[in-house]
Amino acid sequence: MPSPACIPRAVFGVPVDQVAAADDTAEEATVRALRDRLRFCVSRLPEHMQRVTVLRYGLFGVEPRSLREIAAELDVSLGTAHNWERAALDLLRDWL
């Protein structure tokens, strides 16, 4: 269980308790807000990086795949798929 210091008290400047629906706990609201933030940040990536990221990590209900499978599906080399994944993670790290 994360320590209280790890759980944000505000999301985009709005206190977590105001983000939460009446029946949500603060933790559920935080998880939902972080998921929404991830979805927003992934949507900002160039399309090829979005596809690699979503397929690689199984985001948003997609089954995770290996880089080899992703490279074959996108008809690019394994090295290219790896470079796109690394570039996407660098951007997401900066944005999140």
C-alpha atoms as a PDB file:
ATOM      1  CA  MET A   1       0.000   0.000   0.000  1.00  0.00           C
ATOM      2  CA  PRO A   2       1.499   3.388  -0.944  1.00  0.00           C
ATOM      3  CA  SER A   3       2.388   5.762   1.788  1.00  0.00           C
ATOM      4  CA  PRO A   4       0.134   8.832   2.121  1.00  0.00           C
ATOM      5  CA  ALA A   5       2.957  11.022   0.791  1.00  0.00           C
ATOM      6  CA  CYS A   6       2.810   9.082  -2.508  1.00  0.00           C
ATOM      7  CA  ILE A   7      -0.867   9.845  -3.066  1.00  0.00           C
ATOM      8  CA  PRO A   8      -1.403  13.272  -4.644  1.00  0.00           C
ATOM      9  CA  ARG A   9      -3.611  15.656  -2.718  1.00  0.00           C
ATOM     10  CA  ALA A  10      -4.553  17.538  -5.883  1.00  0.00           C
ATOM     11  CA  VAL A  11      -4.943  16.627  -9.531  1.00  0.00           C
ATOM     12  CA  PHE A  12      -4.392  19.466 -11.980  1.00  0.00           C
ATOM     13  CA  GLY A  13      -4.790  21.867  -9.071  1.00  0.00           C
ATOM     14  CA  VAL A  14      -8.164  20.448  -7.981  1.00  0.00           C
ATOM     15  CA  PRO A  15      -8.262  18.779  -4.549  1.00  0.00           C
ATOM     16  CA  VAL A  16      -8.706  15.007  -4.900  1.00  0.00           C
ATOM     17  CA  ASP A  17     -11.822  15.007  -2.726  1.00  0.00           C
ATOM     18  CA  GLN A  18     -13.485  17.382  -5.192  1.00  0.00           C
ATOM     19  CA  VAL A  19     -12.464  15.199  -8.155  1.00  0.00           C
ATOM     20  CA  ALA A  20     -13.969  12.096  -6.561  1.00  0.00           C
ATOM     21  CA  ALA A  21     -17.573  11.146  -7.023  1.00  0.00           C
ATOM     22  CA  ALA A  22     -19.590  10.879  -3.819  1.00  0.00           C
ATOM     23  CA  ASP A  23     -19.084   7.095  -3.593  1.00  0.00           C
ATOM     24  CA  ASP A  24     -15.364   7.077  -4.538  1.00  0.00           C
ATOM     25  CA  THR A  25     -12.504   6.909  -2.139  1.00  0.00           C
ATOM     26  CA  ALA A  26      -9.639   9.347  -2.560  1.00  0.00           C
ATOM     27  CA  GLU A  27      -7.472   6.484  -3.806  1.00  0.00           C
ATOM     28  CA  GLU A  28     -10.008   5.505  -6.505  1.00  0.00           C
ATOM     29  CA  ALA A  29     -10.235   9.119  -7.614  1.00  0.00           C
ATOM     30  CA  THR A  30      -6.446   9.349  -7.748  1.00  0.00           C
ATOM     31  CA  VAL A  31      -6.165   6.185  -9.821  1.00  0.00           C
ATOM     32  CA  ARG A  32      -8.845   7.440 -12.221  1.00  0.00           C
ATOM     33  CA  ALA A  33      -7.138  10.845 -12.519  1.00  0.00           C
ATOM     34  CA  LEU A  34      -3.756   9.240 -13.193  1.00  0.00           C
ATOM     35  CA  ARG A  35      -5.290   6.930 -15.804  1.00  0.00           C
ATOM     36  CA  ASP A  36      -6.902   9.937 -17.489  1.00  0.00           C
ATOM     37  CA  ARG A  37      -3.576  11.801 -17.384  1.00  0.00           C
ATOM     38  CA  LEU A  38      -1.795   8.820 -18.959  1.00  0.00           C
ATOM     39  CA  ARG A  39      -4.443   8.588 -21.695  1.00  0.00           C
ATOM     40  CA  PHE A  40      -4.045  12.332 -22.403  1.00  0.00           C
ATOM     41  CA  CYS A  41      -0.241  12.127 -22.520  1.00  0.00           C
ATOM     42  CA  VAL A  42      -0.263   9.061 -24.780  1.00  0.00           C
ATOM     43  CA  SER A  43      -2.663  10.899 -27.113  1.00  0.00           C
ATOM     44  CA  ARG A  44      -0.053  13.674 -27.477  1.00  0.00           C
ATOM     45  CA  LEU A  45       2.552  11.248 -28.835  1.00  0.00           C
ATOM     46  CA  PRO A  46       3.063  10.910 -32.591  1.00  0.00           C
ATOM     47  CA  GLU A  47       0.822   8.136 -33.927  1.00  0.00           C
ATOM     48  CA  HIS A  48       3.607   5.582 -34.429  1.00  0.00           C
ATOM     49  CA  MET A  49       4.784   6.068 -30.831  1.00  0.00           C
ATOM     50  CA  GLN A  50       1.206   5.807 -29.562  1.00  0.00           C
ATOM     51  CA  ARG A  51       0.768   2.459 -31.290  1.00  0.00           C
ATOM     52  CA  VAL A  52       4.042   1.034 -29.978  1.00  0.00           C
ATOM     53  CA  THR A  53       3.329   2.216 -26.425  1.00  0.00           C
ATOM     54  CA  VAL A  54      -0.258   0.959 -26.300  1.00  0.00           C
ATOM     55  CA  LEU A  55       0.643  -2.402 -27.848  1.00  0.00           C
ATOM     56  CA  ARG A  56       3.826  -2.918 -25.807  1.00  0.00           C
ATOM     57  CA  TYR A  57       2.325  -2.189 -22.399  1.00  0.00           C
ATOM     58  CA  GLY A  58      -1.235  -3.345 -23.038  1.00  0.00           C
ATOM     59  CA  LEU A  59      -2.752   0.026 -22.267  1.00  0.00           C
ATOM     60  CA  PHE A  60      -6.469   0.752 -22.417  1.00  0.00           C
ATOM     61  CA  GLY A  61      -7.582  -2.859 -22.650  1.00  0.00           C
ATOM     62  CA  VAL A  62      -5.180  -3.956 -25.406  1.00  0.00           C
ATOM     63  CA  GLU A  63      -3.290  -7.230 -24.905  1.00  0.00           C
ATOM     64  CA  PRO A  64       0.457  -6.543 -24.351  1.00  0.00           C
ATOM     65  CA  ARG A  65       2.772  -7.689 -27.140  1.00  0.00           C
ATOM     66  CA  SER A  66       6.481  -8.214 -27.587  1.00  0.00           C
ATOM     67  CA  LEU A  67       8.543  -5.699 -29.531  1.00  0.00           C
ATOM     68  CA  ARG A  68       9.113  -8.380 -32.164  1.00  0.00           C
ATOM     69  CA  GLU A  69       5.336  -8.781 -32.639  1.00  0.00           C
ATOM     70  CA  ILE A  70       4.859  -5.010 -32.766  1.00  0.00           C
ATOM     71  CA  ALA A  71       7.654  -4.573 -35.327  1.00  0.00           C
ATOM     72  CA  ALA A  72       6.085  -7.242 -37.551  1.00  0.00           C
ATOM     73  CA  GLU A  73       2.614  -5.694 -37.239  1.00  0.00           C
ATOM     74  CA  LEU A  74       3.906  -2.197 -38.075  1.00  0.00           C
ATOM     75  CA  ASP A  75       6.229  -3.561 -40.787  1.00  0.00           C
ATOM     76  CA  VAL A  76       9.336  -1.937 -39.286  1.00  0.00           C
ATOM     77  CA  SER A  77      12.598  -3.355 -37.975  1.00  0.00           C
ATOM     78  CA  LEU A  78      12.920  -4.451 -34.364  1.00  0.00           C
ATOM     79  CA  GLY A  79      15.448  -1.644 -33.847  1.00  0.00           C
ATOM     80  CA  THR A  80      13.000   0.960 -35.140  1.00  0.00           C
ATOM     81  CA  ALA A  81      10.239  -0.308 -32.855  1.00  0.00           C
ATOM     82  CA  HIS A  82      12.669  -0.209 -29.923  1.00  0.00           C
ATOM     83  CA  ASN A  83      13.734   3.362 -30.757  1.00  0.00           C
ATOM     84  CA  TRP A  84      10.098   4.497 -30.986  1.00  0.00           C
ATOM     85  CA  GLU A  85       9.336   2.859 -27.642  1.00  0.00           C
ATOM     86  CA  ARG A  86      12.338   4.505 -25.980  1.00  0.00           C
ATOM     87  CA  ALA A  87      11.490   7.946 -27.444  1.00  0.00           C
ATOM     88  CA  ALA A  88       7.848   7.599 -26.321  1.00  0.00           C
ATOM     89  CA  LEU A  89       8.899   6.647 -22.783  1.00  0.00           C
ATOM     90  CA  ASP A  90      11.266   9.635 -22.647  1.00  0.00           C
ATOM     91  CA  LEU A  91       8.430  11.974 -23.635  1.00  0.00           C
ATOM     92  CA  LEU A  92       5.949  10.391 -21.232  1.00  0.00           C
ATOM     93  CA  ARG A  93       8.480  10.611 -18.405  1.00  0.00           C
ATOM     94  CA  ASP A  94       8.833  14.349 -19.069  1.00  0.00           C
ATOM     95  CA  TRP A  95       5.081  14.923 -19.303  1.00  0.00           C
ATOM     96  CA  LEU A  96       4.016  12.807 -16.357  1.00  0.00           C
END
